[in-house]
Amino acid sequence: MSEEIMQEEFEVETIVVPLEDGTDLECAILDEFECSGKLYMAMAPIQADDTLGEETYLYRFEEYGEEIQLFYIDDEAELNAAATAYEAYLTALEEED
């Protein structure tokens, strides 16, 4: 389901996200993190010119061996909690540098 591409001279793991309209969106996996015992993935869409889009999408996911199943977060409270956890994760990473 995922593959690696070259992005600005470093490798980025990608994943294809099936959209509700039946199309697929290729995204770069930015980070994986945990919130309230659930796993989440932050990703950015890959543009036609192989650059990353400015948007960041959050999806809940579950791993089944080598397979990953993505879940769209339609609950606003869950999305807000995941976004807050991701922001805290990024802040902690910045403080480490």
PDB file of N, CA and C in Angstrom:
ATOM      1  N   MET A   1       0.820  -1.187   0.000  1.00  0.00           N
ATOM      2  CA  MET A   1       0.000   0.000   0.000  1.00  0.00           C
ATOM      3  C   MET A   1       0.864   1.252   0.000  1.00  0.00           C
ATOM      4  N   SER A   2       2.055   1.189   0.572  1.00  0.00           N
ATOM      5  CA  SER A   2       2.900   2.369   0.575  1.00  0.00           C
ATOM      6  C   SER A   2       4.186   2.084  -0.181  1.00  0.00           C
ATOM      7  N   GLU A   3       4.845   3.131  -0.618  1.00  0.00           N
ATOM      8  CA  GLU A   3       6.105   3.022  -1.332  1.00  0.00           C
ATOM      9  C   GLU A   3       6.950   4.218  -0.950  1.00  0.00           C
ATOM     10  N   GLU A   4       8.213   4.223  -1.402  1.00  0.00           N
ATOM     11  CA  GLU A   4       9.082   5.344  -1.091  1.00  0.00           C
ATOM     12  C   GLU A   4       9.368   6.128  -2.354  1.00  0.00           C
ATOM     13  N   ILE A   5       9.416   7.452  -2.242  1.00  0.00           N
ATOM     14  CA  ILE A   5       9.751   8.316  -3.370  1.00  0.00           C
ATOM     15  C   ILE A   5      10.860   9.262  -2.936  1.00  0.00           C
ATOM     16  N   MET A   6      11.485   9.895  -3.889  1.00  0.00           N
ATOM     17  CA  MET A   6      12.489  10.906  -3.570  1.00  0.00           C
ATOM     18  C   MET A   6      11.773  12.254  -3.455  1.00  0.00           C
ATOM     19  N   GLN A   7      12.022  12.969  -2.390  1.00  0.00           N
ATOM     20  CA  GLN A   7      11.408  14.272  -2.171  1.00  0.00           C
ATOM     21  C   GLN A   7      12.481  15.183  -1.609  1.00  0.00           C
ATOM     22  N   GLU A   8      12.911  16.163  -2.400  1.00  0.00           N
ATOM     23  CA  GLU A   8      13.915  17.119  -1.964  1.00  0.00           C
ATOM     24  C   GLU A   8      15.141  16.426  -1.377  1.00  0.00           C
ATOM     25  N   GLU A   9      15.648  15.423  -2.080  1.00  0.00           N
ATOM     26  CA  GLU A   9      16.867  14.713  -1.744  1.00  0.00           C
ATOM     27  C   GLU A   9      16.771  13.860  -0.483  1.00  0.00           C
ATOM     28  N   PHE A  10      15.587  13.492  -0.040  1.00  0.00           N
ATOM     29  CA  PHE A  10      15.452  12.514   1.028  1.00  0.00           C
ATOM     30  C   PHE A  10      14.231  11.651   0.739  1.00  0.00           C
ATOM     31  N   GLU A  11      14.262  10.436   1.270  1.00  0.00           N
ATOM     32  CA  GLU A  11      13.188   9.496   0.986  1.00  0.00           C
ATOM     33  C   GLU A  11      11.992   9.762   1.896  1.00  0.00           C
ATOM     34  N   VAL A  12      10.829   9.676   1.311  1.00  0.00           N
ATOM     35  CA  VAL A  12       9.586   9.899   2.028  1.00  0.00           C
ATOM     36  C   VAL A  12       8.694   8.683   1.797  1.00  0.00           C
ATOM     37  N   GLU A  13       8.149   8.142   2.860  1.00  0.00           N
ATOM     38  CA  GLU A  13       7.211   7.041   2.714  1.00  0.00           C
ATOM     39  C   GLU A  13       5.870   7.617   2.280  1.00  0.00           C
ATOM     40  N   THR A  14       5.232   6.967   1.324  1.00  0.00           N
ATOM     41  CA  THR A  14       3.955   7.454   0.818  1.00  0.00           C
ATOM     42  C   THR A  14       2.862   6.423   1.040  1.00  0.00           C
ATOM     43  N   ILE A  15       1.644   6.907   0.955  1.00  0.00           N
ATOM     44  CA  ILE A  15       0.472   6.042   1.075  1.00  0.00           C
ATOM     45  C   ILE A  15      -0.606   6.588   0.150  1.00  0.00           C
ATOM     46  N   VAL A  16      -1.404   5.708  -0.411  1.00  0.00           N
ATOM     47  CA  VAL A  16      -2.502   6.118  -1.273  1.00  0.00           C
ATOM     48  C   VAL A  16      -3.780   6.119  -0.441  1.00  0.00           C
ATOM     49  N   VAL A  17      -4.445   7.271  -0.414  1.00  0.00           N
ATOM     50  CA  VAL A  17      -5.667   7.443   0.377  1.00  0.00           C
ATOM     51  C   VAL A  17      -6.861   7.408  -0.568  1.00  0.00           C
ATOM     52  N   PRO A  18      -7.757   6.420  -0.404  1.00  0.00           N
ATOM     53  CA  PRO A  18      -8.968   6.406  -1.228  1.00  0.00           C
ATOM     54  C   PRO A  18      -9.952   7.464  -0.735  1.00  0.00           C
ATOM     55  N   LEU A  19     -10.429   8.288  -1.637  1.00  0.00           N
ATOM     56  CA  LEU A  19     -11.363   9.358  -1.279  1.00  0.00           C
ATOM     57  C   LEU A  19     -12.800   8.915  -1.516  1.00  0.00           C
ATOM     58  N   GLU A  20     -13.731   9.624  -0.905  1.00  0.00           N
ATOM     59  CA  GLU A  20     -15.149   9.274  -1.009  1.00  0.00           C
ATOM     60  C   GLU A  20     -15.676   9.317  -2.434  1.00  0.00           C
ATOM     61  N   ASP A  21     -15.081  10.159  -3.287  1.00  0.00           N
ATOM     62  CA  ASP A  21     -15.561  10.274  -4.669  1.00  0.00           C
ATOM     63  C   ASP A  21     -15.002   9.179  -5.580  1.00  0.00           C
ATOM     64  N   GLY A  22     -14.273   8.220  -4.995  1.00  0.00           N
ATOM     65  CA  GLY A  22     -13.746   7.110  -5.772  1.00  0.00           C
ATOM     66  C   GLY A  22     -12.344   7.327  -6.319  1.00  0.00           C
ATOM     67  N   THR A  23     -11.793   8.518  -6.144  1.00  0.00           N
ATOM     68  CA  THR A  23     -10.435   8.783  -6.603  1.00  0.00           C
ATOM     69  C   THR A  23      -9.445   8.462  -5.488  1.00  0.00           C
ATOM     70  N   ASP A  24      -8.182   8.411  -5.850  1.00  0.00           N
ATOM     71  CA  ASP A  24      -7.118   8.164  -4.882  1.00  0.00           C
ATOM     72  C   ASP A  24      -6.238   9.395  -4.779  1.00  0.00           C
ATOM     73  N   LEU A  25      -5.705   9.628  -3.596  1.00  0.00           N
ATOM     74  CA  LEU A  25      -4.810  10.750  -3.347  1.00  0.00           C
ATOM     75  C   LEU A  25      -3.517  10.196  -2.773  1.00  0.00           C
ATOM     76  N   GLU A  26      -2.402  10.422  -3.466  1.00  0.00           N
ATOM     77  CA  GLU A  26      -1.115   9.983  -2.944  1.00  0.00           C
ATOM     78  C   GLU A  26      -0.615  11.022  -1.942  1.00  0.00           C
ATOM     79  N   CYS A  27      -0.222  10.544  -0.774  1.00  0.00           N
ATOM     80  CA  CYS A  27       0.230  11.422   0.297  1.00  0.00           C
ATOM     81  C   CYS A  27       1.561  10.949   0.854  1.00  0.00           C
ATOM     82  N   ALA A  28       2.347  11.896   1.324  1.00  0.00           N
ATOM     83  CA  ALA A  28       3.574  11.594   2.050  1.00  0.00           C
ATOM     84  C   ALA A  28       3.217  11.450   3.523  1.00  0.00           C
ATOM     85  N   ILE A  29       3.734  10.414   4.142  1.00  0.00           N
ATOM     86  CA  ILE A  29       3.513  10.220   5.577  1.00  0.00           C
ATOM     87  C   ILE A  29       4.495  11.115   6.326  1.00  0.00           C
ATOM     88  N   LEU A  30       3.958  12.069   7.066  1.00  0.00           N
ATOM     89  CA  LEU A  30       4.789  12.998   7.823  1.00  0.00           C
ATOM     90  C   LEU A  30       5.177  12.421   9.179  1.00  0.00           C
ATOM     91  N   ASP A  31       4.204  11.879   9.894  1.00  0.00           N
ATOM     92  CA  ASP A  31       4.430  11.339  11.229  1.00  0.00           C
ATOM     93  C   ASP A  31       3.342  10.346  11.581  1.00  0.00           C
ATOM     94  N   GLU A  32       3.663   9.490  12.525  1.00  0.00           N
ATOM     95  CA  GLU A  32       2.688   8.613  13.162  1.00  0.00           C
ATOM     96  C   GLU A  32       2.764   8.911  14.655  1.00  0.00           C
ATOM     97  N   PHE A  33       1.608   8.973  15.324  1.00  0.00           N
ATOM     98  CA  PHE A  33       1.589   9.301  16.740  1.00  0.00           C
ATOM     99  C   PHE A  33       0.377   8.652  17.390  1.00  0.00           C
ATOM    100  N   GLU A  34       0.367   8.673  18.715  1.00  0.00           N
ATOM    101  CA  GLU A  34      -0.715   8.052  19.473  1.00  0.00           C
ATOM    102  C   GLU A  34      -1.474   9.121  20.250  1.00  0.00           C
ATOM    103  N   CYS A  35      -2.776   8.925  20.365  1.00  0.00           N
ATOM    104  CA  CYS A  35      -3.624   9.803  21.155  1.00  0.00           C
ATOM    105  C   CYS A  35      -4.759   8.962  21.737  1.00  0.00           C
ATOM    106  N   SER A  36      -4.919   8.998  23.021  1.00  0.00           N
ATOM    107  CA  SER A  36      -5.984   8.256  23.717  1.00  0.00           C
ATOM    108  C   SER A  36      -5.996   6.778  23.332  1.00  0.00           C
ATOM    109  N   GLY A  37      -4.813   6.195  23.208  1.00  0.00           N
ATOM    110  CA  GLY A  37      -4.709   4.771  22.919  1.00  0.00           C
ATOM    111  C   GLY A  37      -4.941   4.388  21.469  1.00  0.00           C
ATOM    112  N   LYS A  38      -5.126   5.368  20.594  1.00  0.00           N
ATOM    113  CA  LYS A  38      -5.342   5.096  19.172  1.00  0.00           C
ATOM    114  C   LYS A  38      -4.165   5.637  18.368  1.00  0.00           C
ATOM    115  N   LEU A  39      -3.908   5.016  17.225  1.00  0.00           N
ATOM    116  CA  LEU A  39      -2.819   5.443  16.354  1.00  0.00           C
ATOM    117  C   LEU A  39      -3.335   6.385  15.281  1.00  0.00           C
ATOM    118  N   TYR A  40      -2.553   7.432  15.015  1.00  0.00           N
ATOM    119  CA  TYR A  40      -2.914   8.420  14.006  1.00  0.00           C
ATOM    120  C   TYR A  40      -1.731   8.651  13.066  1.00  0.00           C
ATOM    121  N   MET A  41      -2.052   9.092  11.878  1.00  0.00           N
ATOM    122  CA  MET A  41      -1.055   9.384  10.867  1.00  0.00           C
ATOM    123  C   MET A  41      -1.294  10.789  10.345  1.00  0.00           C
ATOM    124  N   ALA A  42      -0.216  11.583  10.303  1.00  0.00           N
ATOM    125  CA  ALA A  42      -0.261  12.917   9.695  1.00  0.00           C
ATOM    126  C   ALA A  42       0.353  12.775   8.315  1.00  0.00           C
ATOM    127  N   MET A  43      -0.326  13.326   7.310  1.00  0.00           N
ATOM    128  CA  MET A  43       0.164  13.195   5.941  1.00  0.00           C
ATOM    129  C   MET A  43      -0.095  14.464   5.158  1.00  0.00           C
ATOM    130  N   ALA A  44       0.674  14.630   4.081  1.00  0.00           N
ATOM    131  CA  ALA A  44       0.511  15.782   3.189  1.00  0.00           C
ATOM    132  C   ALA A  44       0.359  15.264   1.769  1.00  0.00           C
ATOM    133  N   PRO A  45      -0.542  15.859   0.993  1.00  0.00           N
ATOM    134  CA  PRO A  45      -0.728  15.409  -0.391  1.00  0.00           C
ATOM    135  C   PRO A  45       0.501  15.716  -1.236  1.00  0.00           C
ATOM    136  N   ILE A  46       0.783  14.837  -2.178  1.00  0.00           N
ATOM    137  CA  ILE A  46       1.884  15.044  -3.107  1.00  0.00           C
ATOM    138  C   ILE A  46       1.312  15.687  -4.360  1.00  0.00           C
ATOM    139  N   GLN A  47       1.866  16.833  -4.725  1.00  0.00           N
ATOM    140  CA  GLN A  47       1.404  17.596  -5.885  1.00  0.00           C
ATOM    141  C   GLN A  47       1.917  16.961  -7.181  1.00  0.00           C
ATOM    142  N   ALA A  48       1.388  17.402  -8.299  1.00  0.00           N
ATOM    143  CA  ALA A  48       1.782  16.882  -9.610  1.00  0.00           C
ATOM    144  C   ALA A  48       3.274  17.080  -9.880  1.00  0.00           C
ATOM    145  N   ASP A  49       3.880  18.129  -9.309  1.00  0.00           N
ATOM    146  CA  ASP A  49       5.305  18.386  -9.520  1.00  0.00           C
ATOM    147  C   ASP A  49       6.185  17.715  -8.453  1.00  0.00           C
ATOM    148  N   ASP A  50       5.622  16.737  -7.724  1.00  0.00           N
ATOM    149  CA  ASP A  50       6.314  15.960  -6.687  1.00  0.00           C
ATOM    150  C   ASP A  50       6.710  16.777  -5.459  1.00  0.00           C
ATOM    151  N   THR A  51       6.090  17.934  -5.247  1.00  0.00           N
ATOM    152  CA  THR A  51       6.292  18.680  -4.015  1.00  0.00           C
ATOM    153  C   THR A  51       5.144  18.361  -3.070  1.00  0.00           C
ATOM    154  N   LEU A  52       5.326  18.659  -1.802  1.00  0.00           N
ATOM    155  CA  LEU A  52       4.276  18.414  -0.818  1.00  0.00           C
ATOM    156  C   LEU A  52       3.321  19.593  -0.753  1.00  0.00           C
ATOM    157  N   GLY A  53       2.029  19.273  -0.671  1.00  0.00           N
ATOM    158  CA  GLY A  53       1.030  20.312  -0.489  1.00  0.00           C
ATOM    159  C   GLY A  53       1.144  20.910   0.902  1.00  0.00           C
ATOM    160  N   GLU A  54       0.553  22.062   1.080  1.00  0.00           N
ATOM    161  CA  GLU A  54       0.634  22.753   2.366  1.00  0.00           C
ATOM    162  C   GLU A  54      -0.319  22.189   3.412  1.00  0.00           C
ATOM    163  N   GLU A  55      -1.340  21.452   2.985  1.00  0.00           N
ATOM    164  CA  GLU A  55      -2.313  20.901   3.914  1.00  0.00           C
ATOM    165  C   GLU A  55      -1.723  19.707   4.657  1.00  0.00           C
ATOM    166  N   THR A  56      -2.176  19.515   5.884  1.00  0.00           N
ATOM    167  CA  THR A  56      -1.841  18.319   6.653  1.00  0.00           C
ATOM    168  C   THR A  56      -3.147  17.620   6.984  1.00  0.00           C
ATOM    169  N   TYR A  57      -3.213  16.332   6.648  1.00  0.00           N
ATOM    170  CA  TYR A  57      -4.400  15.531   6.922  1.00  0.00           C
ATOM    171  C   TYR A  57      -4.090  14.569   8.052  1.00  0.00           C
ATOM    172  N   LEU A  58      -5.052  14.379   8.933  1.00  0.00           N
ATOM    173  CA  LEU A  58      -4.931  13.419  10.020  1.00  0.00           C
ATOM    174  C   LEU A  58      -5.931  12.295   9.805  1.00  0.00           C
ATOM    175  N   TYR A  59      -5.443  11.066   9.904  1.00  0.00           N
ATOM    176  CA  TYR A  59      -6.287   9.881   9.807  1.00  0.00           C
ATOM    177  C   TYR A  59      -5.939   8.954  10.957  1.00  0.00           C
ATOM    178  N   ARG A  60      -6.946   8.278  11.493  1.00  0.00           N
ATOM    179  CA  ARG A  60      -6.699   7.209  12.457  1.00  0.00           C
ATOM    180  C   ARG A  60      -6.349   5.983  11.626  1.00  0.00           C
ATOM    181  N   PHE A  61      -5.473   5.137  12.153  1.00  0.00           N
ATOM    182  CA  PHE A  61      -5.143   3.927  11.412  1.00  0.00           C
ATOM    183  C   PHE A  61      -4.941   2.747  12.348  1.00  0.00           C
ATOM    184  N   GLU A  62      -5.069   1.558  11.764  1.00  0.00           N
ATOM    185  CA  GLU A  62      -4.795   0.307  12.462  1.00  0.00           C
ATOM    186  C   GLU A  62      -3.894  -0.523  11.573  1.00  0.00           C
ATOM    187  N   GLU A  63      -2.970  -1.235  12.205  1.00  0.00           N
ATOM    188  CA  GLU A  63      -2.049  -2.096  11.472  1.00  0.00           C
ATOM    189  C   GLU A  63      -2.478  -3.546  11.626  1.00  0.00           C
ATOM    190  N   TYR A  64      -2.437  -4.251  10.521  1.00  0.00           N
ATOM    191  CA  TYR A  64      -2.730  -5.671  10.488  1.00  0.00           C
ATOM    192  C   TYR A  64      -1.565  -6.350   9.777  1.00  0.00           C
ATOM    193  N   GLY A  65      -0.492  -6.634  10.534  1.00  0.00           N
ATOM    194  CA  GLY A  65       0.708  -7.180   9.920  1.00  0.00           C
ATOM    195  C   GLY A  65       1.330  -6.128   9.023  1.00  0.00           C
ATOM    196  N   GLU A  66       1.448  -6.431   7.736  1.00  0.00           N
ATOM    197  CA  GLU A  66       2.015  -5.497   6.757  1.00  0.00           C
ATOM    198  C   GLU A  66       0.979  -4.509   6.222  1.00  0.00           C
ATOM    199  N   GLU A  67      -0.290  -4.752   6.476  1.00  0.00           N
ATOM    200  CA  GLU A  67      -1.371  -3.907   5.955  1.00  0.00           C
ATOM    201  C   GLU A  67      -1.745  -2.805   6.940  1.00  0.00           C
ATOM    202  N   ILE A  68      -2.129  -1.664   6.380  1.00  0.00           N
ATOM    203  CA  ILE A  68      -2.598  -0.526   7.173  1.00  0.00           C
ATOM    204  C   ILE A  68      -4.003  -0.182   6.700  1.00  0.00           C
ATOM    205  N   GLN A  69      -4.915  -0.011   7.642  1.00  0.00           N
ATOM    206  CA  GLN A  69      -6.254   0.443   7.302  1.00  0.00           C
ATOM    207  C   GLN A  69      -6.442   1.846   7.855  1.00  0.00           C
ATOM    208  N   LEU A  70      -6.790   2.786   6.968  1.00  0.00           N
ATOM    209  CA  LEU A  70      -7.023   4.173   7.356  1.00  0.00           C
ATOM    210  C   LEU A  70      -8.497   4.392   7.681  1.00  0.00           C
ATOM    211  N   PHE A  71      -8.744   5.269   8.638  1.00  0.00           N
ATOM    212  CA  PHE A  71     -10.104   5.628   9.016  1.00  0.00           C
ATOM    213  C   PHE A  71     -10.225   7.146   9.012  1.00  0.00           C
ATOM    214  N   TYR A  72     -11.135   7.661   8.204  1.00  0.00           N
ATOM    215  CA  TYR A  72     -11.432   9.088   8.178  1.00  0.00           C
ATOM    216  C   TYR A  72     -12.008   9.464   9.535  1.00  0.00           C
ATOM    217  N   ILE A  73     -11.569  10.575  10.093  1.00  0.00           N
ATOM    218  CA  ILE A  73     -12.042  11.015  11.408  1.00  0.00           C
ATOM    219  C   ILE A  73     -13.218  11.961  11.195  1.00  0.00           C
ATOM    220  N   ASP A  74     -14.422  11.453  11.409  1.00  0.00           N
ATOM    221  CA  ASP A  74     -15.605  12.292  11.202  1.00  0.00           C
ATOM    222  C   ASP A  74     -16.164  12.854  12.508  1.00  0.00           C
ATOM    223  N   ASP A  75     -15.596  12.453  13.634  1.00  0.00           N
ATOM    224  CA  ASP A  75     -16.015  12.973  14.928  1.00  0.00           C
ATOM    225  C   ASP A  75     -15.165  14.194  15.263  1.00  0.00           C
ATOM    226  N   GLU A  76     -15.800  15.354  15.415  1.00  0.00           N
ATOM    227  CA  GLU A  76     -15.073  16.602  15.633  1.00  0.00           C
ATOM    228  C   GLU A  76     -14.233  16.578  16.909  1.00  0.00           C
ATOM    229  N   ALA A  77     -14.752  15.969  17.971  1.00  0.00           N
ATOM    230  CA  ALA A  77     -14.005  15.900  19.233  1.00  0.00           C
ATOM    231  C   ALA A  77     -12.745  15.051  19.066  1.00  0.00           C
ATOM    232  N   GLU A  78     -12.871  13.922  18.358  1.00  0.00           N
ATOM    233  CA  GLU A  78     -11.707  13.067  18.122  1.00  0.00           C
ATOM    234  C   GLU A  78     -10.677  13.791  17.254  1.00  0.00           C
ATOM    235  N   LEU A  79     -11.146  14.488  16.221  1.00  0.00           N
ATOM    236  CA  LEU A  79     -10.238  15.222  15.345  1.00  0.00           C
ATOM    237  C   LEU A  79      -9.513  16.321  16.111  1.00  0.00           C
ATOM    238  N   ASN A  80     -10.230  17.048  16.953  1.00  0.00           N
ATOM    239  CA  ASN A  80      -9.609  18.107  17.761  1.00  0.00           C
ATOM    240  C   ASN A  80      -8.570  17.536  18.724  1.00  0.00           C
ATOM    241  N   ALA A  81      -8.893  16.394  19.345  1.00  0.00           N
ATOM    242  CA  ALA A  81      -7.942  15.758  20.268  1.00  0.00           C
ATOM    243  C   ALA A  81      -6.703  15.298  19.519  1.00  0.00           C
ATOM    244  N   ALA A  82      -6.884  14.708  18.337  1.00  0.00           N
ATOM    245  CA  ALA A  82      -5.746  14.242  17.536  1.00  0.00           C
ATOM    246  C   ALA A  82      -4.901  15.425  17.074  1.00  0.00           C
ATOM    247  N   ALA A  83      -5.530  16.506  16.659  1.00  0.00           N
ATOM    248  CA  ALA A  83      -4.796  17.694  16.211  1.00  0.00           C
ATOM    249  C   ALA A  83      -3.989  18.300  17.356  1.00  0.00           C
ATOM    250  N   THR A  84      -4.577  18.358  18.531  1.00  0.00           N
ATOM    251  CA  THR A  84      -3.874  18.878  19.703  1.00  0.00           C
ATOM    252  C   THR A  84      -2.690  17.990  20.051  1.00  0.00           C
ATOM    253  N   ALA A  85      -2.888  16.668  19.997  1.00  0.00           N
ATOM    254  CA  ALA A  85      -1.801  15.730  20.283  1.00  0.00           C
ATOM    255  C   ALA A  85      -0.689  15.864  19.253  1.00  0.00           C
ATOM    256  N   TYR A  86      -1.043  16.070  17.988  1.00  0.00           N
ATOM    257  CA  TYR A  86      -0.029  16.216  16.943  1.00  0.00           C
ATOM    258  C   TYR A  86       0.766  17.509  17.133  1.00  0.00           C
ATOM    259  N   GLU A  87       0.078  18.591  17.474  1.00  0.00           N
ATOM    260  CA  GLU A  87       0.770  19.853  17.730  1.00  0.00           C
ATOM    261  C   GLU A  87       1.731  19.714  18.912  1.00  0.00           C
ATOM    262  N   ALA A  88       1.315  19.010  19.964  1.00  0.00           N
ATOM    263  CA  ALA A  88       2.183  18.783  21.121  1.00  0.00           C
ATOM    264  C   ALA A  88       3.388  17.927  20.727  1.00  0.00           C
ATOM    265  N   TYR A  89       3.161  16.940  19.869  1.00  0.00           N
ATOM    266  CA  TYR A  89       4.233  16.080  19.371  1.00  0.00           C
ATOM    267  C   TYR A  89       5.248  16.911  18.592  1.00  0.00           C
ATOM    268  N   LEU A  90       4.781  17.785  17.696  1.00  0.00           N
ATOM    269  CA  LEU A  90       5.675  18.637  16.919  1.00  0.00           C
ATOM    270  C   LEU A  90       6.459  19.600  17.816  1.00  0.00           C
ATOM    271  N   THR A  91       5.789  20.164  18.819  1.00  0.00           N
ATOM    272  CA  THR A  91       6.455  21.063  19.752  1.00  0.00           C
ATOM    273  C   THR A  91       7.561  20.332  20.512  1.00  0.00           C
ATOM    274  N   ALA A  92       7.288  19.105  20.929  1.00  0.00           N
ATOM    275  CA  ALA A  92       8.302  18.319  21.640  1.00  0.00           C
ATOM    276  C   ALA A  92       9.498  18.029  20.721  1.00  0.00           C
ATOM    277  N   LEU A  93       9.248  17.746  19.462  1.00  0.00           N
ATOM    278  CA  LEU A  93      10.336  17.499  18.509  1.00  0.00           C
ATOM    279  C   LEU A  93      11.193  18.753  18.335  1.00  0.00           C
ATOM    280  N   GLU A  94      10.543  19.918  18.231  1.00  0.00           N
ATOM    281  CA  GLU A  94      11.274  21.181  18.063  1.00  0.00           C
ATOM    282  C   GLU A  94      12.133  21.473  19.287  1.00  0.00           C
ATOM    283  N   GLU A  95      11.631  21.160  20.462  1.00  0.00           N
ATOM    284  CA  GLU A  95      12.372  21.423  21.691  1.00  0.00           C
ATOM    285  C   GLU A  95      13.596  20.525  21.809  1.00  0.00           C
ATOM    286  N   GLU A  96      13.533  19.332  21.180  1.00  0.00           N
ATOM    287  CA  GLU A  96      14.678  18.413  21.212  1.00  0.00           C
ATOM    288  C   GLU A  96      15.840  18.944  20.389  1.00  0.00           C
ATOM    289  N   ASP A  97      15.523  19.707  19.347  1.00  0.00           N
ATOM    290  CA  ASP A  97      16.578  20.229  18.446  1.00  0.00           C
ATOM    291  C   ASP A  97      17.313  21.336  19.046  1.00  0.00           C
TER     292      ASP A  97
END
